[in-house]
Amino acid sequence: SLQGRQPNSIPNKKTEDPVAGKVNT
């Protein structure tokens, strides 16, 4: 949890989602 990911999870390759847009908050 301190390393930035959940236990028992494998991060996927970073993919750009053109539909989701960018959050600037």
mmCIF file of all heavy atoms, coordinates in Angstrom:
data_MODEL
# 
_entry.id   MODEL 
# 
loop_
_atom_site.group_PDB 
_atom_site.id 
_atom_site.type_symbol 
_atom_site.label_atom_id 
_atom_site.label_alt_id 
_atom_site.label_comp_id 
_atom_site.label_asym_id 
_atom_site.label_entity_id 
_atom_site.label_seq_id 
_atom_site.pdbx_PDB_ins_code 
_atom_site.Cartn_x 
_atom_site.Cartn_y 
_atom_site.Cartn_z 
_atom_site.occupancy 
_atom_site.B_iso_or_equiv 
_atom_site.pdbx_formal_charge 
_atom_site.auth_seq_id 
_atom_site.auth_comp_id 
_atom_site.auth_asym_id 
_atom_site.auth_atom_id 
_atom_site.pdbx_PDB_model_num 
ATOM 1   N N   . SER A 1 1  ? 0.827   -1.206  0.000   1.00 0.00 ? 1  SER A N   1 
ATOM 2   C CA  . SER A 1 1  ? 0.000   0.000   0.000   1.00 0.00 ? 1  SER A CA  1 
ATOM 3   C C   . SER A 1 1  ? 0.862   1.257   0.000   1.00 0.00 ? 1  SER A C   1 
ATOM 4   O O   . SER A 1 1  ? 0.490   2.272   -0.573  1.00 0.00 ? 1  SER A O   1 
ATOM 5   C CB  . SER A 1 1  ? -0.937  0.002   1.195   1.00 0.00 ? 1  SER A CB  1 
ATOM 6   O OG  . SER A 1 1  ? -0.190  -0.056  2.394   1.00 0.00 ? 1  SER A OG  1 
ATOM 7   N N   . LEU A 1 2  ? 2.046   1.194   0.618   1.00 0.00 ? 2  LEU A N   1 
ATOM 8   C CA  . LEU A 1 2  ? 2.959   2.336   0.596   1.00 0.00 ? 2  LEU A CA  1 
ATOM 9   C C   . LEU A 1 2  ? 3.786   2.383   -0.678  1.00 0.00 ? 2  LEU A C   1 
ATOM 10  O O   . LEU A 1 2  ? 4.347   3.420   -1.013  1.00 0.00 ? 2  LEU A O   1 
ATOM 11  C CB  . LEU A 1 2  ? 3.899   2.287   1.806   1.00 0.00 ? 2  LEU A CB  1 
ATOM 12  C CG  . LEU A 1 2  ? 3.239   2.467   3.168   1.00 0.00 ? 2  LEU A CG  1 
ATOM 13  C CD1 . LEU A 1 2  ? 4.272   2.348   4.276   1.00 0.00 ? 2  LEU A CD1 1 
ATOM 14  C CD2 . LEU A 1 2  ? 2.530   3.796   3.248   1.00 0.00 ? 2  LEU A CD2 1 
ATOM 15  N N   . GLN A 1 3  ? 3.877   1.280   -1.374  1.00 0.00 ? 3  GLN A N   1 
ATOM 16  C CA  . GLN A 1 3  ? 4.612   1.246   -2.633  1.00 0.00 ? 3  GLN A CA  1 
ATOM 17  C C   . GLN A 1 3  ? 3.758   1.737   -3.789  1.00 0.00 ? 3  GLN A C   1 
ATOM 18  O O   . GLN A 1 3  ? 4.220   1.800   -4.906  1.00 0.00 ? 3  GLN A O   1 
ATOM 19  C CB  . GLN A 1 3  ? 5.095   -0.181  -2.929  1.00 0.00 ? 3  GLN A CB  1 
ATOM 20  C CG  . GLN A 1 3  ? 6.135   -0.670  -1.952  1.00 0.00 ? 3  GLN A CG  1 
ATOM 21  C CD  . GLN A 1 3  ? 6.506   -2.116  -2.213  1.00 0.00 ? 3  GLN A CD  1 
ATOM 22  O OE1 . GLN A 1 3  ? 5.956   -2.769  -3.093  1.00 0.00 ? 3  GLN A OE1 1 
ATOM 23  N NE2 . GLN A 1 3  ? 7.439   -2.623  -1.431  1.00 0.00 ? 3  GLN A NE2 1 
ATOM 24  N N   . GLY A 1 4  ? 2.503   2.064   -3.542  1.00 0.00 ? 4  GLY A N   1 
ATOM 25  C CA  . GLY A 1 4  ? 1.650   2.635   -4.579  1.00 0.00 ? 4  GLY A CA  1 
ATOM 26  C C   . GLY A 1 4  ? 0.786   1.638   -5.306  1.00 0.00 ? 4  GLY A C   1 
ATOM 27  O O   . GLY A 1 4  ? 0.220   1.942   -6.331  1.00 0.00 ? 4  GLY A O   1 
ATOM 28  N N   . ARG A 1 5  ? 0.680   0.395   -4.814  1.00 0.00 ? 5  ARG A N   1 
ATOM 29  C CA  . ARG A 1 5  ? -0.203  -0.562  -5.461  1.00 0.00 ? 5  ARG A CA  1 
ATOM 30  C C   . ARG A 1 5  ? -0.840  -1.446  -4.400  1.00 0.00 ? 5  ARG A C   1 
ATOM 31  O O   . ARG A 1 5  ? -0.397  -1.495  -3.270  1.00 0.00 ? 5  ARG A O   1 
ATOM 32  C CB  . ARG A 1 5  ? 0.533   -1.409  -6.493  1.00 0.00 ? 5  ARG A CB  1 
ATOM 33  C CG  . ARG A 1 5  ? 1.637   -2.275  -5.950  1.00 0.00 ? 5  ARG A CG  1 
ATOM 34  C CD  . ARG A 1 5  ? 2.308   -3.024  -7.096  1.00 0.00 ? 5  ARG A CD  1 
ATOM 35  N NE  . ARG A 1 5  ? 3.280   -3.951  -6.572  1.00 0.00 ? 5  ARG A NE  1 
ATOM 36  C CZ  . ARG A 1 5  ? 3.048   -5.222  -6.276  1.00 0.00 ? 5  ARG A CZ  1 
ATOM 37  N NH1 . ARG A 1 5  ? 1.865   -5.729  -6.463  1.00 0.00 ? 5  ARG A NH1 1 
ATOM 38  N NH2 . ARG A 1 5  ? 3.988   -5.986  -5.790  1.00 0.00 ? 5  ARG A NH2 1 
ATOM 39  N N   . GLN A 1 6  ? -1.882  -2.132  -4.800  1.00 0.00 ? 6  GLN A N   1 
ATOM 40  C CA  . GLN A 1 6  ? -2.620  -2.989  -3.881  1.00 0.00 ? 6  GLN A CA  1 
ATOM 41  C C   . GLN A 1 6  ? -1.893  -4.304  -3.677  1.00 0.00 ? 6  GLN A C   1 
ATOM 42  O O   . GLN A 1 6  ? -1.135  -4.746  -4.539  1.00 0.00 ? 6  GLN A O   1 
ATOM 43  C CB  . GLN A 1 6  ? -3.990  -3.305  -4.465  1.00 0.00 ? 6  GLN A CB  1 
ATOM 44  C CG  . GLN A 1 6  ? -4.925  -2.162  -4.504  1.00 0.00 ? 6  GLN A CG  1 
ATOM 45  C CD  . GLN A 1 6  ? -6.282  -2.637  -4.977  1.00 0.00 ? 6  GLN A CD  1 
ATOM 46  O OE1 . GLN A 1 6  ? -6.550  -3.821  -5.019  1.00 0.00 ? 6  GLN A OE1 1 
ATOM 47  N NE2 . GLN A 1 6  ? -7.127  -1.717  -5.340  1.00 0.00 ? 6  GLN A NE2 1 
ATOM 48  N N   . PRO A 1 7  ? -2.147  -4.969  -2.536  1.00 0.00 ? 7  PRO A N   1 
ATOM 49  C CA  . PRO A 1 7  ? -1.621  -6.319  -2.399  1.00 0.00 ? 7  PRO A CA  1 
ATOM 50  C C   . PRO A 1 7  ? -2.296  -7.245  -3.397  1.00 0.00 ? 7  PRO A C   1 
ATOM 51  O O   . PRO A 1 7  ? -3.443  -7.024  -3.780  1.00 0.00 ? 7  PRO A O   1 
ATOM 52  C CB  . PRO A 1 7  ? -1.981  -6.699  -0.957  1.00 0.00 ? 7  PRO A CB  1 
ATOM 53  C CG  . PRO A 1 7  ? -3.049  -5.754  -0.555  1.00 0.00 ? 7  PRO A CG  1 
ATOM 54  C CD  . PRO A 1 7  ? -2.891  -4.520  -1.385  1.00 0.00 ? 7  PRO A CD  1 
ATOM 55  N N   . ASN A 1 8  ? -1.606  -8.253  -3.850  1.00 0.00 ? 8  ASN A N   1 
ATOM 56  C CA  . ASN A 1 8  ? -2.123  -9.232  -4.802  1.00 0.00 ? 8  ASN A CA  1 
ATOM 57  C C   . ASN A 1 8  ? -2.608  -8.591  -6.093  1.00 0.00 ? 8  ASN A C   1 
ATOM 58  O O   . ASN A 1 8  ? -3.686  -8.906  -6.586  1.00 0.00 ? 8  ASN A O   1 
ATOM 59  C CB  . ASN A 1 8  ? -3.258  -10.067 -4.193  1.00 0.00 ? 8  ASN A CB  1 
ATOM 60  C CG  . ASN A 1 8  ? -2.782  -10.906 -3.044  1.00 0.00 ? 8  ASN A CG  1 
ATOM 61  O OD1 . ASN A 1 8  ? -1.633  -11.316 -3.013  1.00 0.00 ? 8  ASN A OD1 1 
ATOM 62  N ND2 . ASN A 1 8  ? -3.646  -11.153 -2.100  1.00 0.00 ? 8  ASN A ND2 1 
ATOM 63  N N   . SER A 1 9  ? -1.827  -7.650  -6.624  1.00 0.00 ? 9  SER A N   1 
ATOM 64  C CA  . SER A 1 9  ? -2.196  -7.050  -7.897  1.00 0.00 ? 9  SER A CA  1 
ATOM 65  C C   . SER A 1 9  ? -0.968  -6.889  -8.775  1.00 0.00 ? 9  SER A C   1 
ATOM 66  O O   . SER A 1 9  ? 0.140   -6.757  -8.289  1.00 0.00 ? 9  SER A O   1 
ATOM 67  C CB  . SER A 1 9  ? -2.881  -5.693  -7.702  1.00 0.00 ? 9  SER A CB  1 
ATOM 68  O OG  . SER A 1 9  ? -1.947  -4.744  -7.245  1.00 0.00 ? 9  SER A OG  1 
ATOM 69  N N   . ILE A 1 10 ? -1.205  -6.917  -10.076 1.00 0.00 ? 10 ILE A N   1 
ATOM 70  C CA  . ILE A 1 10 ? -0.144  -6.754  -11.059 1.00 0.00 ? 10 ILE A CA  1 
ATOM 71  C C   . ILE A 1 10 ? -0.521  -5.546  -11.916 1.00 0.00 ? 10 ILE A C   1 
ATOM 72  O O   . ILE A 1 10 ? -1.564  -5.563  -12.566 1.00 0.00 ? 10 ILE A O   1 
ATOM 73  C CB  . ILE A 1 10 ? -0.024  -8.006  -11.951 1.00 0.00 ? 10 ILE A CB  1 
ATOM 74  C CG1 . ILE A 1 10 ? 0.210   -9.236  -11.078 1.00 0.00 ? 10 ILE A CG1 1 
ATOM 75  C CG2 . ILE A 1 10 ? 1.077   -7.834  -12.983 1.00 0.00 ? 10 ILE A CG2 1 
ATOM 76  C CD1 . ILE A 1 10 ? -0.042  -10.536 -11.796 1.00 0.00 ? 10 ILE A CD1 1 
ATOM 77  N N   . PRO A 1 11 ? 0.287   -4.465  -11.907 1.00 0.00 ? 11 PRO A N   1 
ATOM 78  C CA  . PRO A 1 11 ? -0.088  -3.301  -12.709 1.00 0.00 ? 11 PRO A CA  1 
ATOM 79  C C   . PRO A 1 11 ? -0.011  -3.601  -14.198 1.00 0.00 ? 11 PRO A C   1 
ATOM 80  O O   . PRO A 1 11 ? 0.882   -4.310  -14.656 1.00 0.00 ? 11 PRO A O   1 
ATOM 81  C CB  . PRO A 1 11 ? 0.934   -2.233  -12.304 1.00 0.00 ? 11 PRO A CB  1 
ATOM 82  C CG  . PRO A 1 11 ? 2.012   -2.943  -11.587 1.00 0.00 ? 11 PRO A CG  1 
ATOM 83  C CD  . PRO A 1 11 ? 1.496   -4.284  -11.165 1.00 0.00 ? 11 PRO A CD  1 
ATOM 84  N N   . ASN A 1 12 ? -0.980  -3.064  -14.971 1.00 0.00 ? 12 ASN A N   1 
ATOM 85  C CA  . ASN A 1 12 ? -0.966  -3.205  -16.420 1.00 0.00 ? 12 ASN A CA  1 
ATOM 86  C C   . ASN A 1 12 ? -0.051  -2.152  -17.017 1.00 0.00 ? 12 ASN A C   1 
ATOM 87  O O   . ASN A 1 12 ? 0.278   -1.162  -16.371 1.00 0.00 ? 12 ASN A O   1 
ATOM 88  C CB  . ASN A 1 12 ? -2.375  -3.040  -16.990 1.00 0.00 ? 12 ASN A CB  1 
ATOM 89  C CG  . ASN A 1 12 ? -3.273  -4.194  -16.633 1.00 0.00 ? 12 ASN A CG  1 
ATOM 90  O OD1 . ASN A 1 12 ? -2.807  -5.245  -16.204 1.00 0.00 ? 12 ASN A OD1 1 
ATOM 91  N ND2 . ASN A 1 12 ? -4.566  -4.003  -16.800 1.00 0.00 ? 12 ASN A ND2 1 
ATOM 92  N N   . LYS A 1 13 ? 0.316   -2.353  -18.275 1.00 0.00 ? 13 LYS A N   1 
ATOM 93  C CA  . LYS A 1 13 ? 1.103   -1.343  -18.969 1.00 0.00 ? 13 LYS A CA  1 
ATOM 94  C C   . LYS A 1 13 ? 0.281   -0.080  -19.091 1.00 0.00 ? 13 LYS A C   1 
ATOM 95  O O   . LYS A 1 13 ? -0.926  -0.120  -19.262 1.00 0.00 ? 13 LYS A O   1 
ATOM 96  C CB  . LYS A 1 13 ? 1.500   -1.845  -20.361 1.00 0.00 ? 13 LYS A CB  1 
ATOM 97  C CG  . LYS A 1 13 ? 2.465   -2.994  -20.319 1.00 0.00 ? 13 LYS A CG  1 
ATOM 98  C CD  . LYS A 1 13 ? 2.804   -3.454  -21.713 1.00 0.00 ? 13 LYS A CD  1 
ATOM 99  C CE  . LYS A 1 13 ? 3.728   -4.653  -21.654 1.00 0.00 ? 13 LYS A CE  1 
ATOM 100 N NZ  . LYS A 1 13 ? 3.968   -5.218  -22.968 1.00 0.00 ? 13 LYS A NZ  1 
ATOM 101 N N   . LYS A 1 14 ? 0.947   1.055   -19.003 1.00 0.00 ? 14 LYS A N   1 
ATOM 102 C CA  . LYS A 1 14 ? 0.271   2.356   -19.084 1.00 0.00 ? 14 LYS A CA  1 
ATOM 103 C C   . LYS A 1 14 ? -0.324  2.542   -20.468 1.00 0.00 ? 14 LYS A C   1 
ATOM 104 O O   . LYS A 1 14 ? 0.362   2.471   -21.468 1.00 0.00 ? 14 LYS A O   1 
ATOM 105 C CB  . LYS A 1 14 ? 1.278   3.464   -18.782 1.00 0.00 ? 14 LYS A CB  1 
ATOM 106 C CG  . LYS A 1 14 ? 0.702   4.843   -18.816 1.00 0.00 ? 14 LYS A CG  1 
ATOM 107 C CD  . LYS A 1 14 ? -0.070  5.124   -17.559 1.00 0.00 ? 14 LYS A CD  1 
ATOM 108 C CE  . LYS A 1 14 ? -0.484  6.591   -17.579 1.00 0.00 ? 14 LYS A CE  1 
ATOM 109 N NZ  . LYS A 1 14 ? -1.646  6.827   -16.818 1.00 0.00 ? 14 LYS A NZ  1 
ATOM 110 N N   . THR A 1 15 ? -1.633  2.745   -20.512 1.00 0.00 ? 15 THR A N   1 
ATOM 111 C CA  . THR A 1 15 ? -2.300  2.984   -21.786 1.00 0.00 ? 15 THR A CA  1 
ATOM 112 C C   . THR A 1 15 ? -3.018  4.322   -21.716 1.00 0.00 ? 15 THR A C   1 
ATOM 113 O O   . THR A 1 15 ? -3.627  4.663   -20.700 1.00 0.00 ? 15 THR A O   1 
ATOM 114 C CB  . THR A 1 15 ? -3.327  1.884   -22.108 1.00 0.00 ? 15 THR A CB  1 
ATOM 115 O OG1 . THR A 1 15 ? -4.257  1.808   -21.034 1.00 0.00 ? 15 THR A OG1 1 
ATOM 116 C CG2 . THR A 1 15 ? -2.643  0.550   -22.302 1.00 0.00 ? 15 THR A CG2 1 
ATOM 117 N N   . GLU A 1 16 ? -2.952  5.085   -22.757 1.00 0.00 ? 16 GLU A N   1 
ATOM 118 C CA  . GLU A 1 16 ? -3.618  6.389   -22.836 1.00 0.00 ? 16 GLU A CA  1 
ATOM 119 C C   . GLU A 1 16 ? -5.084  6.176   -23.172 1.00 0.00 ? 16 GLU A C   1 
ATOM 120 O O   . GLU A 1 16 ? -5.412  5.462   -24.108 1.00 0.00 ? 16 GLU A O   1 
ATOM 121 C CB  . GLU A 1 16 ? -2.939  7.220   -23.917 1.00 0.00 ? 16 GLU A CB  1 
ATOM 122 C CG  . GLU A 1 16 ? -3.518  8.601   -24.062 1.00 0.00 ? 16 GLU A CG  1 
ATOM 123 C CD  . GLU A 1 16 ? -2.748  9.631   -23.274 1.00 0.00 ? 16 GLU A CD  1 
ATOM 124 O OE1 . GLU A 1 16 ? -1.621  9.365   -22.871 1.00 0.00 ? 16 GLU A OE1 1 
ATOM 125 O OE2 . GLU A 1 16 ? -3.309  10.706  -23.064 1.00 0.00 ? 16 GLU A OE2 1 
ATOM 126 N N   . ASP A 1 17 ? -5.959  6.766   -22.401 1.00 0.00 ? 17 ASP A N   1 
ATOM 127 C CA  . ASP A 1 17 ? -7.388  6.663   -22.652 1.00 0.00 ? 17 ASP A CA  1 
ATOM 128 C C   . ASP A 1 17 ? -7.878  8.000   -23.190 1.00 0.00 ? 17 ASP A C   1 
ATOM 129 O O   . ASP A 1 17 ? -8.064  8.952   -22.433 1.00 0.00 ? 17 ASP A O   1 
ATOM 130 C CB  . ASP A 1 17 ? -8.128  6.296   -21.360 1.00 0.00 ? 17 ASP A CB  1 
ATOM 131 C CG  . ASP A 1 17 ? -9.598  5.994   -21.599 1.00 0.00 ? 17 ASP A CG  1 
ATOM 132 O OD1 . ASP A 1 17 ? -10.014 5.965   -22.775 1.00 0.00 ? 17 ASP A OD1 1 
ATOM 133 O OD2 . ASP A 1 17 ? -10.315 5.785   -20.613 1.00 0.00 ? 17 ASP A OD2 1 
ATOM 134 N N   . PRO A 1 18 ? -8.074  8.116   -24.518 1.00 0.00 ? 18 PRO A N   1 
ATOM 135 C CA  . PRO A 1 18 ? -8.462  9.403   -25.093 1.00 0.00 ? 18 PRO A CA  1 
ATOM 136 C C   . PRO A 1 18 ? -9.868  9.846   -24.705 1.00 0.00 ? 18 PRO A C   1 
ATOM 137 O O   . PRO A 1 18 ? -10.178 11.022  -24.755 1.00 0.00 ? 18 PRO A O   1 
ATOM 138 C CB  . PRO A 1 18 ? -8.362  9.162   -26.599 1.00 0.00 ? 18 PRO A CB  1 
ATOM 139 C CG  . PRO A 1 18 ? -8.509  7.706   -26.768 1.00 0.00 ? 18 PRO A CG  1 
ATOM 140 C CD  . PRO A 1 18 ? -7.964  7.075   -25.516 1.00 0.00 ? 18 PRO A CD  1 
ATOM 141 N N   . VAL A 1 19 ? -10.708 8.929   -24.275 1.00 0.00 ? 19 VAL A N   1 
ATOM 142 C CA  . VAL A 1 19 ? -12.090 9.274   -23.934 1.00 0.00 ? 19 VAL A CA  1 
ATOM 143 C C   . VAL A 1 19 ? -12.185 9.831   -22.519 1.00 0.00 ? 19 VAL A C   1 
ATOM 144 O O   . VAL A 1 19 ? -12.970 10.724  -22.236 1.00 0.00 ? 19 VAL A O   1 
ATOM 145 C CB  . VAL A 1 19 ? -12.999 8.032   -24.091 1.00 0.00 ? 19 VAL A CB  1 
ATOM 146 C CG1 . VAL A 1 19 ? -14.417 8.346   -23.703 1.00 0.00 ? 19 VAL A CG1 1 
ATOM 147 C CG2 . VAL A 1 19 ? -12.927 7.518   -25.502 1.00 0.00 ? 19 VAL A CG2 1 
ATOM 148 N N   . ALA A 1 20 ? -11.373 9.301   -21.609 1.00 0.00 ? 20 ALA A N   1 
ATOM 149 C CA  . ALA A 1 20 ? -11.490 9.662   -20.201 1.00 0.00 ? 20 ALA A CA  1 
ATOM 150 C C   . ALA A 1 20 ? -11.123 11.122  -19.949 1.00 0.00 ? 20 ALA A C   1 
ATOM 151 O O   . ALA A 1 20 ? -11.623 11.731  -19.017 1.00 0.00 ? 20 ALA A O   1 
ATOM 152 C CB  . ALA A 1 20 ? -10.614 8.756   -19.349 1.00 0.00 ? 20 ALA A CB  1 
ATOM 153 N N   . GLY A 1 21 ? -10.256 11.706  -20.742 1.00 0.00 ? 21 GLY A N   1 
ATOM 154 C CA  . GLY A 1 21 ? -9.862  13.087  -20.539 1.00 0.00 ? 21 GLY A CA  1 
ATOM 155 C C   . GLY A 1 21 ? -8.861  13.213  -19.418 1.00 0.00 ? 21 GLY A C   1 
ATOM 156 O O   . GLY A 1 21 ? -8.392  12.235  -18.846 1.00 0.00 ? 21 GLY A O   1 
ATOM 157 N N   . LYS A 1 22 ? -8.521  14.445  -19.087 1.00 0.00 ? 22 LYS A N   1 
ATOM 158 C CA  . LYS A 1 22 ? -7.511  14.699  -18.072 1.00 0.00 ? 22 LYS A CA  1 
ATOM 159 C C   . LYS A 1 22 ? -8.146  15.452  -16.913 1.00 0.00 ? 22 LYS A C   1 
ATOM 160 O O   . LYS A 1 22 ? -8.881  16.418  -17.118 1.00 0.00 ? 22 LYS A O   1 
ATOM 161 C CB  . LYS A 1 22 ? -6.375  15.516  -18.686 1.00 0.00 ? 22 LYS A CB  1 
ATOM 162 C CG  . LYS A 1 22 ? -5.176  15.634  -17.808 1.00 0.00 ? 22 LYS A CG  1 
ATOM 163 C CD  . LYS A 1 22 ? -4.038  16.308  -18.559 1.00 0.00 ? 22 LYS A CD  1 
ATOM 164 C CE  . LYS A 1 22 ? -2.800  16.321  -17.701 1.00 0.00 ? 22 LYS A CE  1 
ATOM 165 N NZ  . LYS A 1 22 ? -1.692  16.966  -18.366 1.00 0.00 ? 22 LYS A NZ  1 
ATOM 166 N N   . VAL A 1 23 ? -7.850  15.034  -15.695 1.00 0.00 ? 23 VAL A N   1 
ATOM 167 C CA  . VAL A 1 23 ? -8.373  15.691  -14.511 1.00 0.00 ? 23 VAL A CA  1 
ATOM 168 C C   . VAL A 1 23 ? -7.312  16.650  -14.007 1.00 0.00 ? 23 VAL A C   1 
ATOM 169 O O   . VAL A 1 23 ? -6.170  16.268  -13.783 1.00 0.00 ? 23 VAL A O   1 
ATOM 170 C CB  . VAL A 1 23 ? -8.730  14.654  -13.419 1.00 0.00 ? 23 VAL A CB  1 
ATOM 171 C CG1 . VAL A 1 23 ? -9.214  15.345  -12.170 1.00 0.00 ? 23 VAL A CG1 1 
ATOM 172 C CG2 . VAL A 1 23 ? -9.766  13.696  -13.943 1.00 0.00 ? 23 VAL A CG2 1 
ATOM 173 N N   . ASN A 1 24 ? -7.680  17.930  -13.813 1.00 0.00 ? 24 ASN A N   1 
ATOM 174 C CA  . ASN A 1 24 ? -6.723  18.937  -13.376 1.00 0.00 ? 24 ASN A CA  1 
ATOM 175 C C   . ASN A 1 24 ? -6.963  19.384  -11.942 1.00 0.00 ? 24 ASN A C   1 
ATOM 176 O O   . ASN A 1 24 ? -6.411  20.389  -11.518 1.00 0.00 ? 24 ASN A O   1 
ATOM 177 C CB  . ASN A 1 24 ? -6.775  20.151  -14.307 1.00 0.00 ? 24 ASN A CB  1 
ATOM 178 C CG  . ASN A 1 24 ? -6.239  19.821  -15.681 1.00 0.00 ? 24 ASN A CG  1 
ATOM 179 O OD1 . ASN A 1 24 ? -5.287  19.055  -15.791 1.00 0.00 ? 24 ASN A OD1 1 
ATOM 180 N ND2 . ASN A 1 24 ? -6.843  20.375  -16.713 1.00 0.00 ? 24 ASN A ND2 1 
ATOM 181 N N   . THR A 1 25 ? -7.791  18.696  -11.194 1.00 0.00 ? 25 THR A N   1 
ATOM 182 C CA  . THR A 1 25 ? -8.051  19.055  -9.814  1.00 0.00 ? 25 THR A CA  1 
ATOM 183 C C   . THR A 1 25 ? -6.793  18.796  -8.997  1.00 0.00 ? 25 THR A C   1 
ATOM 184 O O   . THR A 1 25 ? -6.194  17.736  -9.090  1.00 0.00 ? 25 THR A O   1 
ATOM 185 C CB  . THR A 1 25 ? -9.228  18.226  -9.258  1.00 0.00 ? 25 THR A CB  1 
ATOM 186 O OG1 . THR A 1 25 ? -10.328 18.361  -10.148 1.00 0.00 ? 25 THR A OG1 1 
ATOM 187 C CG2 . THR A 1 25 ? -9.611  18.679  -7.875  1.00 0.00 ? 25 THR A CG2 1 
# 
